[in-house]
PDB file of N, CA and C in Angstrom:
ATOM      1  N   MET A   1       5.886  46.119 -45.050  1.00  0.00           N
ATOM      2  CA  MET A   1       5.789  46.292 -43.995  1.00  0.00           C
ATOM      3  C   MET A   1       6.843  47.681 -43.753  1.00  0.00           C
ATOM      4  N   ALA A   2       6.163  48.222 -42.764  1.00  0.00           N
ATOM      5  CA  ALA A   2       7.266  49.448 -41.599  1.00  0.00           C
ATOM      6  C   ALA A   2       7.496  48.751 -40.605  1.00  0.00           C
ATOM      7  N   LYS A   3       9.049  49.135 -40.827  1.00  0.00           N
ATOM      8  CA  LYS A   3       9.869  48.508 -39.365  1.00  0.00           C
ATOM      9  C   LYS A   3       9.303  49.571 -37.979  1.00  0.00           C
ATOM     10  N   LYS A   4       9.250  48.736 -36.727  1.00  0.00           N
ATOM     11  CA  LYS A   4       9.002  49.181 -36.126  1.00  0.00           C
ATOM     12  C   LYS A   4      10.033  49.268 -35.187  1.00  0.00           C
ATOM     13  N   THR A   5      10.150  50.580 -34.718  1.00  0.00           N
ATOM     14  CA  THR A   5      11.017  51.313 -34.050  1.00  0.00           C
ATOM     15  C   THR A   5      11.115  50.838 -32.784  1.00  0.00           C
ATOM     16  N   THR A   6      12.242  50.322 -32.207  1.00  0.00           N
ATOM     17  CA  THR A   6      12.406  49.485 -30.873  1.00  0.00           C
ATOM     18  C   THR A   6      12.919  50.540 -29.496  1.00  0.00           C
ATOM     19  N   PRO A   7      12.689  50.492 -28.613  1.00  0.00           N
ATOM     20  CA  PRO A   7      13.458  51.782 -27.554  1.00  0.00           C
ATOM     21  C   PRO A   7      14.805  51.303 -27.338  1.00  0.00           C
ATOM     22  N   ASN A   8      15.219  49.923 -27.874  1.00  0.00           N
ATOM     23  CA  ASN A   8      16.429  49.508 -27.844  1.00  0.00           C
ATOM     24  C   ASN A   8      17.040  50.287 -28.810  1.00  0.00           C
ATOM     25  N   SER A   9      16.739  50.257 -30.219  1.00  0.00           N
ATOM     26  CA  SER A   9      17.673  50.942 -31.189  1.00  0.00           C
ATOM     27  C   SER A   9      17.725  52.193 -30.749  1.00  0.00           C
ATOM     28  N   ASN A  10      16.716  53.093 -30.304  1.00  0.00           N
ATOM     29  CA  ASN A  10      16.321  54.662 -29.877  1.00  0.00           C
ATOM     30  C   ASN A  10      17.984  54.643 -28.901  1.00  0.00           C
ATOM     31  N   ASN A  11      18.024  53.938 -27.797  1.00  0.00           N
ATOM     32  CA  ASN A  11      18.912  53.645 -26.926  1.00  0.00           C
ATOM     33  C   ASN A  11      20.260  53.843 -27.560  1.00  0.00           C
ATOM     34  N   GLU A  12      20.328  52.525 -28.710  1.00  0.00           N
ATOM     35  CA  GLU A  12      21.616  52.425 -29.167  1.00  0.00           C
ATOM     36  C   GLU A  12      22.208  53.831 -30.002  1.00  0.00           C
ATOM     37  N   ASN A  13      21.309  54.457 -30.735  1.00  0.00           N
ATOM     38  CA  ASN A  13      21.489  55.906 -31.256  1.00  0.00           C
ATOM     39  C   ASN A  13      21.875  56.694 -30.445  1.00  0.00           C
ATOM     40  N   LEU A  14      21.337  56.884 -29.587  1.00  0.00           N
ATOM     41  CA  LEU A  14      21.551  57.884 -28.393  1.00  0.00           C
ATOM     42  C   LEU A  14      23.129  57.551 -27.676  1.00  0.00           C
ATOM     43  N   ASP A  15      23.472  56.418 -27.561  1.00  0.00           N
ATOM     44  CA  ASP A  15      24.436  55.946 -27.183  1.00  0.00           C
ATOM     45  C   ASP A  15      25.660  56.227 -27.722  1.00  0.00           C
ATOM     46  N   SER A  16      25.344  55.780 -28.982  1.00  0.00           N
ATOM     47  CA  SER A  16      26.709  56.137 -29.827  1.00  0.00           C
ATOM     48  C   SER A  16      26.955  57.891 -30.107  1.00  0.00           C
ATOM     49  N   SER A  17      25.640  58.232 -30.377  1.00  0.00           N
ATOM     50  CA  SER A  17      25.940  60.018 -30.108  1.00  0.00           C
ATOM     51  C   SER A  17      26.752  60.557 -29.011  1.00  0.00           C
ATOM     52  N   SER A  18      26.119  60.021 -28.083  1.00  0.00           N
ATOM     53  CA  SER A  18      27.168  60.458 -26.819  1.00  0.00           C
ATOM     54  C   SER A  18      28.530  59.654 -26.698  1.00  0.00           C
ATOM     55  N   LYS A  19      28.853  58.703 -27.081  1.00  0.00           N
ATOM     56  CA  LYS A  19      29.977  58.355 -27.646  1.00  0.00           C
ATOM     57  C   LYS A  19      31.093  59.169 -28.640  1.00  0.00           C
ATOM     58  N   ILE A  20      30.601  59.733 -29.459  1.00  0.00           N
ATOM     59  CA  ILE A  20      30.973  60.570 -30.387  1.00  0.00           C
ATOM     60  C   ILE A  20      31.455  62.042 -29.937  1.00  0.00           C
ATOM     61  N   GLU A  21      30.257  62.231 -29.023  1.00  0.00           N
ATOM     62  CA  GLU A  21      30.580  63.669 -28.436  1.00  0.00           C
ATOM     63  C   GLU A  21      32.098  63.291 -27.141  1.00  0.00           C
ATOM     64  N   ALA A  22      31.959  62.459 -26.638  1.00  0.00           N
ATOM     65  CA  ALA A  22      33.088  61.853 -25.960  1.00  0.00           C
ATOM     66  C   ALA A  22      34.419  61.939 -26.616  1.00  0.00           C
ATOM     67  N   ILE A  23      34.123  61.157 -27.494  1.00  0.00           N
ATOM     68  CA  ILE A  23      35.669  60.890 -28.519  1.00  0.00           C
ATOM     69  C   ILE A  23      36.141  63.012 -28.921  1.00  0.00           C
ATOM     70  N   LYS A  24      34.969  63.481 -29.396  1.00  0.00           N
ATOM     71  CA  LYS A  24      35.453  64.340 -29.832  1.00  0.00           C
ATOM     72  C   LYS A  24      36.103  65.407 -28.497  1.00  0.00           C
ATOM     73  N   ASN A  25      35.443  65.499 -27.375  1.00  0.00           N
ATOM     74  CA  ASN A  25      35.870  65.991 -26.194  1.00  0.00           C
ATOM     75  C   ASN A  25      37.377  65.621 -25.897  1.00  0.00           C
ATOM     76  N   LEU A  26      37.685  64.595 -25.994  1.00  0.00           N
ATOM     77  CA  LEU A  26      38.898  63.812 -25.725  1.00  0.00           C
ATOM     78  C   LEU A  26      40.021  64.315 -26.679  1.00  0.00           C
ATOM     79  N   ILE A  27      39.651  64.430 -27.928  1.00  0.00           N
ATOM     80  CA  ILE A  27      40.620  65.103 -29.079  1.00  0.00           C
ATOM     81  C   ILE A  27      40.510  66.281 -29.102  1.00  0.00           C
ATOM     82  N   PHE A  28      39.866  67.167 -29.223  1.00  0.00           N
ATOM     83  CA  PHE A  28      39.962  68.726 -29.096  1.00  0.00           C
ATOM     84  C   PHE A  28      39.877  69.422 -27.654  1.00  0.00           C
ATOM     85  N   GLY A  29      39.369  68.592 -26.910  1.00  0.00           N
ATOM     86  CA  GLY A  29      39.541  69.235 -25.500  1.00  0.00           C
ATOM     87  C   GLY A  29      38.048  70.519 -25.365  1.00  0.00           C
ATOM     88  N   GLU A  30      38.727  71.411 -24.862  1.00  0.00           N
ATOM     89  CA  GLU A  30      38.149  72.426 -24.089  1.00  0.00           C
ATOM     90  C   GLU A  30      37.870  73.664 -25.674  1.00  0.00           C
ATOM     91  N   ASN A  31      38.794  73.077 -26.357  1.00  0.00           N
ATOM     92  CA  ASN A  31      38.839  74.337 -27.450  1.00  0.00           C
ATOM     93  C   ASN A  31      37.533  74.204 -28.807  1.00  0.00           C
ATOM     94  N   ILE A  32      37.177  72.924 -28.317  1.00  0.00           N
ATOM     95  CA  ILE A  32      35.934  72.672 -29.625  1.00  0.00           C
ATOM     96  C   ILE A  32      34.919  73.979 -29.878  1.00  0.00           C
ATOM     97  N   GLU A  33      34.872  74.542 -28.960  1.00  0.00           N
ATOM     98  CA  GLU A  33      33.803  75.505 -29.330  1.00  0.00           C
ATOM     99  C   GLU A  33      34.570  76.981 -30.216  1.00  0.00           C
ATOM    100  N   GLN A  34      36.208  76.869 -29.744  1.00  0.00           N
ATOM    101  CA  GLN A  34      36.707  77.487 -30.478  1.00  0.00           C
ATOM    102  C   GLN A  34      36.722  77.242 -31.837  1.00  0.00           C
ATOM    103  N   TYR A  35      37.385  75.968 -32.261  1.00  0.00           N
ATOM    104  CA  TYR A  35      37.417  75.359 -33.112  1.00  0.00           C
ATOM    105  C   TYR A  35      35.871  75.372 -34.001  1.00  0.00           C
ATOM    106  N   ASP A  36      34.947  75.052 -33.960  1.00  0.00           N
ATOM    107  CA  ASP A  36      33.589  75.517 -34.392  1.00  0.00           C
ATOM    108  C   ASP A  36      33.307  76.880 -34.616  1.00  0.00           C
ATOM    109  N   SER A  37      33.629  77.707 -34.099  1.00  0.00           N
ATOM    110  CA  SER A  37      33.219  78.621 -34.512  1.00  0.00           C
ATOM    111  C   SER A  37      34.300  79.335 -35.633  1.00  0.00           C
ATOM    112  N   ALA A  38      35.777  78.877 -35.419  1.00  0.00           N
ATOM    113  CA  ALA A  38      36.463  79.072 -36.533  1.00  0.00           C
ATOM    114  C   ALA A  38      36.069  78.446 -37.617  1.00  0.00           C
ATOM    115  N   PHE A  39      35.646  77.257 -37.714  1.00  0.00           N
ATOM    116  CA  PHE A  39      35.285  76.487 -38.957  1.00  0.00           C
ATOM    117  C   PHE A  39      33.686  77.201 -39.494  1.00  0.00           C
ATOM    118  N   ASP A  40      33.006  77.853 -39.018  1.00  0.00           N
ATOM    119  CA  ASP A  40      31.923  78.618 -39.144  1.00  0.00           C
ATOM    120  C   ASP A  40      32.065  79.978 -39.823  1.00  0.00           C
ATOM    121  N   THR A  41      32.853  80.253 -39.520  1.00  0.00           N
ATOM    122  CA  THR A  41      33.619  81.540 -39.802  1.00  0.00           C
ATOM    123  C   THR A  41      34.133  81.390 -41.339  1.00  0.00           C
ATOM    124  N   LEU A  42      34.827  80.634 -41.174  1.00  0.00           N
ATOM    125  CA  LEU A  42      35.684  80.349 -42.557  1.00  0.00           C
ATOM    126  C   LEU A  42      34.754  79.669 -43.610  1.00  0.00           C
ATOM    127  N   LYS A  43      33.872  78.784 -43.232  1.00  0.00           N
ATOM    128  CA  LYS A  43      32.510  78.506 -43.824  1.00  0.00           C
ATOM    129  C   LYS A  43      31.564  79.724 -44.282  1.00  0.00           C
ATOM    130  N   LYS A  44      31.647  80.641 -43.924  1.00  0.00           N
ATOM    131  CA  LYS A  44      30.659  81.953 -44.171  1.00  0.00           C
ATOM    132  C   LYS A  44      31.690  82.617 -45.016  1.00  0.00           C
ATOM    133  N   ASP A  45      32.643  82.804 -44.921  1.00  0.00           N
ATOM    134  CA  ASP A  45      33.765  83.354 -45.658  1.00  0.00           C
ATOM    135  C   ASP A  45      33.789  82.961 -46.794  1.00  0.00           C
ATOM    136  N   LEU A  46      33.933  81.451 -46.933  1.00  0.00           N
ATOM    137  CA  LEU A  46      33.929  80.731 -48.431  1.00  0.00           C
ATOM    138  C   LEU A  46      32.652  80.849 -49.205  1.00  0.00           C
ATOM    139  N   ASP A  47      31.479  80.706 -48.295  1.00  0.00           N
ATOM    140  CA  ASP A  47      30.238  80.915 -48.908  1.00  0.00           C
ATOM    141  C   ASP A  47      30.043  82.558 -49.420  1.00  0.00           C
ATOM    142  N   LYS A  48      30.431  83.367 -48.934  1.00  0.00           N
ATOM    143  CA  LYS A  48      30.327  84.630 -49.579  1.00  0.00           C
ATOM    144  C   LYS A  48      31.552  84.973 -50.834  1.00  0.00           C
ATOM    145  N   LYS A  49      32.452  84.557 -50.764  1.00  0.00           N
ATOM    146  CA  LYS A  49      33.643  84.642 -51.574  1.00  0.00           C
ATOM    147  C   LYS A  49      32.549  83.689 -52.968  1.00  0.00           C
ATOM    148  N   LYS A  50      32.289  82.482 -52.348  1.00  0.00           N
ATOM    149  CA  LYS A  50      31.534  81.595 -53.938  1.00  0.00           C
ATOM    150  C   LYS A  50      30.453  82.310 -54.466  1.00  0.00           C
ATOM    151  N   LYS A  51      29.622  83.338 -53.513  1.00  0.00           N
ATOM    152  CA  LYS A  51      28.485  83.900 -54.174  1.00  0.00           C
ATOM    153  C   LYS A  51      29.201  85.129 -55.216  1.00  0.00           C
ATOM    154  N   ILE A  52      30.396  85.841 -54.478  1.00  0.00           N
ATOM    155  CA  ILE A  52      30.852  86.804 -55.397  1.00  0.00           C
ATOM    156  C   ILE A  52      31.312  86.505 -56.797  1.00  0.00           C
ATOM    157  N   LEU A  53      32.019  85.143 -56.440  1.00  0.00           N
ATOM    158  CA  LEU A  53      32.779  84.620 -57.892  1.00  0.00           C
ATOM    159  C   LEU A  53      31.451  84.230 -58.933  1.00  0.00           C
ATOM    160  N   GLU A  54      30.478  83.654 -58.181  1.00  0.00           N
ATOM    161  CA  GLU A  54      29.136  83.295 -59.097  1.00  0.00           C
ATOM    162  C   GLU A  54      28.789  84.175 -59.725  1.00  0.00           C
ATOM    163  N   ASP A  55      28.790  85.748 -59.091  1.00  0.00           N
ATOM    164  CA  ASP A  55      27.790  86.559 -59.198  1.00  0.00           C
ATOM    165  C   ASP A  55      29.013  87.537 -60.761  1.00  0.00           C
ATOM    166  N   ASN A  56      30.546  87.063 -60.682  1.00  0.00           N
ATOM    167  CA  ASN A  56      31.405  87.820 -61.495  1.00  0.00           C
ATOM    168  C   ASN A  56      31.123  86.809 -62.794  1.00  0.00           C
ATOM    169  N   ILE A  57      31.076  85.445 -62.503  1.00  0.00           N
ATOM    170  CA  ILE A  57      31.261  84.643 -63.703  1.00  0.00           C
ATOM    171  C   ILE A  57      29.568  85.045 -64.492  1.00  0.00           C
ATOM    172  N   ASP A  58      28.574  84.895 -63.777  1.00  0.00           N
ATOM    173  CA  ASP A  58      27.526  85.662 -64.590  1.00  0.00           C
ATOM    174  C   ASP A  58      27.798  86.962 -65.163  1.00  0.00           C
ATOM    175  N   GLU A  59      28.188  87.790 -64.621  1.00  0.00           N
ATOM    176  CA  GLU A  59      28.112  89.215 -65.353  1.00  0.00           C
ATOM    177  C   GLU A  59      29.007  88.623 -66.133  1.00  0.00           C
ATOM    178  N   VAL A  60      30.283  88.326 -66.159  1.00  0.00           N
ATOM    179  CA  VAL A  60      31.306  88.137 -67.020  1.00  0.00           C
ATOM    180  C   VAL A  60      30.573  87.259 -68.879  1.00  0.00           C
ATOM    181  N   ARG A  61      29.695  86.544 -68.327  1.00  0.00           N
ATOM    182  CA  ARG A  61      28.833  85.548 -69.042  1.00  0.00           C
ATOM    183  C   ARG A  61      27.965  86.284 -70.050  1.00  0.00           C
ATOM    184  N   ASN A  62      27.159  87.223 -69.422  1.00  0.00           N
ATOM    185  CA  ASN A  62      26.150  88.445 -69.801  1.00  0.00           C
ATOM    186  C   ASN A  62      27.140  89.103 -70.824  1.00  0.00           C
ATOM    187  N   GLU A  63      28.139  89.816 -70.624  1.00  0.00           N
ATOM    188  CA  GLU A  63      28.939  90.425 -71.196  1.00  0.00           C
ATOM    189  C   GLU A  63      29.409  89.638 -72.091  1.00  0.00           C
ATOM    190  N   LEU A  64      29.736  88.852 -72.466  1.00  0.00           N
ATOM    191  CA  LEU A  64      30.502  87.936 -73.459  1.00  0.00           C
ATOM    192  C   LEU A  64      28.809  87.723 -74.589  1.00  0.00           C
ATOM    193  N   MET A  65      27.734  87.368 -74.156  1.00  0.00           N
ATOM    194  CA  MET A  65      26.957  87.265 -74.847  1.00  0.00           C
ATOM    195  C   MET A  65      26.455  88.657 -75.547  1.00  0.00           C
ATOM    196  N   GLN A  66      26.417  89.280 -74.654  1.00  0.00           N
ATOM    197  CA  GLN A  66      26.373  90.867 -75.774  1.00  0.00           C
ATOM    198  C   GLN A  66      27.617  90.925 -76.555  1.00  0.00           C
ATOM    199  N   SER A  67      28.555  90.596 -76.471  1.00  0.00           N
ATOM    200  CA  SER A  67      29.854  91.086 -77.126  1.00  0.00           C
ATOM    201  C   SER A  67      29.496  89.894 -78.708  1.00  0.00           C
ATOM    202  N   ILE A  68      29.018  88.633 -78.280  1.00  0.00           N
ATOM    203  CA  ILE A  68      28.791  87.931 -79.590  1.00  0.00           C
ATOM    204  C   ILE A  68      27.728  88.102 -80.144  1.00  0.00           C
ATOM    205  N   ASP A  69      26.346  88.860 -79.853  1.00  0.00           N
ATOM    206  CA  ASP A  69      25.543  89.320 -80.515  1.00  0.00           C
ATOM    207  C   ASP A  69      25.806  90.489 -81.184  1.00  0.00           C
ATOM    208  N   SER A  70      26.654  91.131 -80.577  1.00  0.00           N
ATOM    209  CA  SER A  70      27.108  92.387 -81.437  1.00  0.00           C
ATOM    210  C   SER A  70      27.947  91.879 -82.172  1.00  0.00           C
ATOM    211  N   LEU A  71      29.184  91.275 -82.303  1.00  0.00           N
ATOM    212  CA  LEU A  71      29.786  90.437 -83.388  1.00  0.00           C
ATOM    213  C   LEU A  71      28.815  90.020 -84.477  1.00  0.00           C
ATOM    214  N   SER A  72      27.685  89.183 -84.022  1.00  0.00           N
ATOM    215  CA  SER A  72      27.387  88.520 -84.764  1.00  0.00           C
ATOM    216  C   SER A  72      26.537  89.527 -85.826  1.00  0.00           C
ATOM    217  N   THR A  73      25.686  90.464 -85.189  1.00  0.00           N
ATOM    218  CA  THR A  73      25.311  91.761 -86.375  1.00  0.00           C
ATOM    219  C   THR A  73      26.060  92.467 -87.122  1.00  0.00           C
ATOM    220  N   ASP A  74      27.407  92.800 -86.255  1.00  0.00           N
ATOM    221  CA  ASP A  74      28.631  93.317 -87.175  1.00  0.00           C
ATOM    222  C   ASP A  74      28.624  92.258 -88.595  1.00  0.00           C
ATOM    223  N   VAL A  75      28.920  91.324 -88.342  1.00  0.00           N
ATOM    224  CA  VAL A  75      29.519  90.340 -89.263  1.00  0.00           C
ATOM    225  C   VAL A  75      28.180  90.224 -90.081  1.00  0.00           C
ATOM    226  N   ASN A  76      27.023  89.870 -89.729  1.00  0.00           N
ATOM    227  CA  ASN A  76      25.879  90.036 -90.787  1.00  0.00           C
ATOM    228  C   ASN A  76      25.888  90.930 -91.590  1.00  0.00           C
ATOM    229  N   ILE A  77      26.201  92.431 -91.242  1.00  0.00           N
ATOM    230  CA  ILE A  77      25.759  93.437 -91.727  1.00  0.00           C
ATOM    231  C   ILE A  77      27.337  93.706 -92.907  1.00  0.00           C
ATOM    232  N   ARG A  78      28.207  92.722 -92.344  1.00  0.00           N
ATOM    233  CA  ARG A  78      29.553  93.211 -93.622  1.00  0.00           C
ATOM    234  C   ARG A  78      29.090  91.834 -94.996  1.00  0.00           C
ATOM    235  N   ILE A  79      28.759  90.765 -94.225  1.00  0.00           N
ATOM    236  CA  ILE A  79      28.207  90.006 -95.224  1.00  0.00           C
ATOM    237  C   ILE A  79      27.195  90.182 -96.475  1.00  0.00           C
ATOM    238  N   THR A  80      26.447  91.077 -95.471  1.00  0.00           N
ATOM    239  CA  THR A  80      25.108  91.432 -96.627  1.00  0.00           C
ATOM    240  C   THR A  80      25.956  92.626 -97.398  1.00  0.00           C
ATOM    241  N   ASP A  81      26.766  93.503 -97.297  1.00  0.00           N
ATOM    242  CA  ASP A  81      27.571  94.885 -97.774  1.00  0.00           C
ATOM    243  C   ASP A  81      28.252  93.968 -99.060  1.00  0.00           C
ATOM    244  N   LEU A  82      28.829  92.748 -98.433  1.00  0.00           N
ATOM    245  CA  LEU A  82      29.876  92.114 -99.561  1.00  0.00           C
ATOM    246  C   LEU A  82      29.043  91.631-100.515  1.00  0.00           C
ATOM    247  N   GLU A  83      28.111  90.776-100.285  1.00  0.00           N
ATOM    248  CA  GLU A  83      27.101  90.159-101.162  1.00  0.00           C
ATOM    249  C   GLU A  83      26.713  91.375-102.093  1.00  0.00           C
ATOM    250  N   ASP A  84      26.279  92.305-101.600  1.00  0.00           N
ATOM    251  CA  ASP A  84      25.744  93.655-102.402  1.00  0.00           C
ATOM    252  C   ASP A  84      26.635  94.138-103.318  1.00  0.00           C
ATOM    253  N   ALA A  85      28.261  94.251-102.948  1.00  0.00           N
ATOM    254  CA  ALA A  85      29.018  94.661-103.685  1.00  0.00           C
ATOM    255  C   ALA A  85      29.177  93.600-104.617  1.00  0.00           C
ATOM    256  N   LEU A  86      29.163  92.728-104.542  1.00  0.00           N
ATOM    257  CA  LEU A  86      29.540  91.185-105.532  1.00  0.00           C
ATOM    258  C   LEU A  86      28.605  91.315-106.709  1.00  0.00           C
ATOM    259  N   ASN A  87      27.018  91.337-106.068  1.00  0.00           N
ATOM    260  CA  ASN A  87      26.052  91.525-106.804  1.00  0.00           C
ATOM    261  C   ASN A  87      26.182  92.789-107.858  1.00  0.00           C
ATOM    262  N   ALA A  88      26.543  94.144-107.408  1.00  0.00           N
ATOM    263  CA  ALA A  88      26.658  94.899-108.441  1.00  0.00           C
ATOM    264  C   ALA A  88      27.703  94.816-109.471  1.00  0.00           C
ATOM    265  N   LYS A  89      28.873  94.156-108.890  1.00  0.00           N
ATOM    266  CA  LYS A  89      30.332  93.778-109.953  1.00  0.00           C
ATOM    267  C   LYS A  89      29.817  93.055-110.815  1.00  0.00           C
ATOM    268  N   ALA A  90      28.724  91.502-110.504  1.00  0.00           N
ATOM    269  CA  ALA A  90      28.430  90.804-111.501  1.00  0.00           C
ATOM    270  C   ALA A  90      27.671  91.673-112.092  1.00  0.00           C
ATOM    271  N   GLU A  91      27.122  92.658-112.049  1.00  0.00           N
ATOM    272  CA  GLU A  91      26.070  93.163-113.128  1.00  0.00           C
ATOM    273  C   GLU A  91      26.815  93.764-113.773  1.00  0.00           C
ATOM    274  N   THR A  92      27.832  94.531-113.252  1.00  0.00           N
ATOM    275  CA  THR A  92      28.476  95.300-114.068  1.00  0.00           C
ATOM    276  C   THR A  92      29.104  94.540-115.250  1.00  0.00           C
ATOM    277  N   LEU A  93      29.812  93.524-114.885  1.00  0.00           N
ATOM    278  CA  LEU A  93      30.516  92.672-115.685  1.00  0.00           C
ATOM    279  C   LEU A  93      29.568  91.841-116.819  1.00  0.00           C
ATOM    280  N   THR A  94      28.314  91.946-116.470  1.00  0.00           N
ATOM    281  CA  THR A  94      27.283  91.363-117.559  1.00  0.00           C
ATOM    282  C   THR A  94      27.252  92.565-118.396  1.00  0.00           C
ATOM    283  N   GLU A  95      26.964  93.756-117.931  1.00  0.00           N
ATOM    284  CA  GLU A  95      26.856  94.616-118.877  1.00  0.00           C
ATOM    285  C   GLU A  95      27.661  94.724-119.850  1.00  0.00           C
ATOM    286  N   GLN A  96      29.096  94.787-119.481  1.00  0.00           N
ATOM    287  CA  GLN A  96      30.189  95.042-120.108  1.00  0.00           C
ATOM    288  C   GLN A  96      30.523  94.120-121.033  1.00  0.00           C
ATOM    289  N   LYS A  97      29.878  92.781-120.893  1.00  0.00           N
ATOM    290  CA  LYS A  97      29.735  91.444-121.668  1.00  0.00           C
ATOM    291  C   LYS A  97      28.699  91.652-122.629  1.00  0.00           C
ATOM    292  N   VAL A  98      27.974  92.267-122.547  1.00  0.00           N
ATOM    293  CA  VAL A  98      26.678  92.472-123.487  1.00  0.00           C
ATOM    294  C   VAL A  98      27.008  93.561-124.449  1.00  0.00           C
ATOM    295  N   ASP A  99      27.945  94.589-124.089  1.00  0.00           N
ATOM    296  CA  ASP A  99      28.076  95.659-124.899  1.00  0.00           C
ATOM    297  C   ASP A  99      29.354  95.103-125.705  1.00  0.00           C
ATOM    298  N   ARG A 100      30.069  94.453-125.283  1.00  0.00           N
ATOM    299  CA  ARG A 100      31.200  93.687-126.182  1.00  0.00           C
ATOM    300  C   ARG A 100      30.461  93.079-127.617  1.00  0.00           C
ATOM    301  N   LYS A 101      29.232  92.302-127.036  1.00  0.00           N
ATOM    302  CA  LYS A 101      28.763  91.499-128.160  1.00  0.00           C
ATOM    303  C   LYS A 101      28.344  92.819-129.205  1.00  0.00           C
ATOM    304  N   GLU A 102      27.316  93.593-128.589  1.00  0.00           N
ATOM    305  CA  GLU A 102      26.878  95.017-129.285  1.00  0.00           C
ATOM    306  C   GLU A 102      28.026  95.459-130.448  1.00  0.00           C
ATOM    307  N   LEU A 103      29.320  95.735-129.479  1.00  0.00           N
ATOM    308  CA  LEU A 103      30.234  96.113-130.338  1.00  0.00           C
ATOM    309  C   LEU A 103      30.728  95.199-131.567  1.00  0.00           C
ATOM    310  N   GLY A 104      30.687  94.072-131.232  1.00  0.00           N
ATOM    311  CA  GLY A 104      31.268  93.020-132.313  1.00  0.00           C
ATOM    312  C   GLY A 104      30.292  92.807-133.111  1.00  0.00           C
ATOM    313  N   LYS A 105      29.106  93.074-133.070  1.00  0.00           N
ATOM    314  CA  LYS A 105      27.919  93.127-134.038  1.00  0.00           C
ATOM    315  C   LYS A 105      28.029  94.080-134.954  1.00  0.00           C
ATOM    316  N   LEU A 106      28.158  95.569-134.116  1.00  0.00           N
ATOM    317  CA  LEU A 106      28.132  96.631-134.733  1.00  0.00           C
ATOM    318  C   LEU A 106      29.196  96.458-135.814  1.00  0.00           C
ATOM    319  N   LEU A 107      30.829  96.087-135.393  1.00  0.00           N
ATOM    320  CA  LEU A 107      31.912  95.889-135.998  1.00  0.00           C
ATOM    321  C   LEU A 107      31.732  95.152-137.142  1.00  0.00           C
ATOM    322  N   ILE A 108      31.104  93.879-137.058  1.00  0.00           N
ATOM    323  CA  ILE A 108      31.034  93.098-138.365  1.00  0.00           C
ATOM    324  C   ILE A 108      29.889  93.864-139.263  1.00  0.00           C
ATOM    325  N   SER A 109      29.197  94.405-138.683  1.00  0.00           N
ATOM    326  CA  SER A 109      27.861  95.030-139.613  1.00  0.00           C
ATOM    327  C   SER A 109      28.691  95.977-140.585  1.00  0.00           C
ATOM    328  N   LEU A 110      29.642  96.932-139.753  1.00  0.00           N
ATOM    329  CA  LEU A 110      30.286  98.167-140.284  1.00  0.00           C
ATOM    330  C   LEU A 110      31.498  97.277-141.392  1.00  0.00           C
ATOM    331  N   GLY A 111      31.958  96.123-140.992  1.00  0.00           N
ATOM    332  CA  GLY A 111      32.895  95.535-142.174  1.00  0.00           C
ATOM    333  C   GLY A 111      31.876  95.341-143.537  1.00  0.00           C
ATOM    334  N   GLU A 112      30.988  94.603-143.134  1.00  0.00           N
ATOM    335  CA  GLU A 112      29.904  94.104-144.456  1.00  0.00           C
ATOM    336  C   GLU A 112      29.712  95.838-145.064  1.00  0.00           C
ATOM    337  N   LYS A 113      29.309  96.337-144.457  1.00  0.00           N
ATOM    338  CA  LYS A 113      29.054  97.741-144.977  1.00  0.00           C
ATOM    339  C   LYS A 113      30.439  98.130-146.030  1.00  0.00           C
ATOM    340  N   ILE A 114      31.462  98.135-145.339  1.00  0.00           N
ATOM    341  CA  ILE A 114      32.350  98.484-146.381  1.00  0.00           C
ATOM    342  C   ILE A 114      32.618  97.883-147.298  1.00  0.00           C
ATOM    343  N   SER A 115      32.751  96.373-147.081  1.00  0.00           N
ATOM    344  CA  SER A 115      33.244  95.476-148.066  1.00  0.00           C
ATOM    345  C   SER A 115      32.332  95.682-149.121  1.00  0.00           C
ATOM    346  N   SER A 116      30.959  96.395-149.355  1.00  0.00           N
ATOM    347  CA  SER A 116      30.098  95.910-150.054  1.00  0.00           C
ATOM    348  C   SER A 116      29.799  97.184-150.850  1.00  0.00           C
TER     349      SER A 116
END
């Protein structure tokens, strides 16, 4: 069930609002409009600076992401180059070992021919 608003509660809300306004007038006096204006100016200035900082953060974030992507690409290229160099070196070493085996066989064969 929905609550029914009574005229009495509306009057209490208006009455408390007017009491708050009266207290504000007592505390701040006639300068309240100047204070409100100064607070509004400060709020607008803070909002503007917040927007500038957020824009700077976004710009730096984008630059960092581009730098990370560039660095990642560079690292991948270097890794690929190193893998290629390592594979070439391994292939060279494998060929050299085969040549040693062939040389060994030739020397054994030559030794057998000499002794016979």
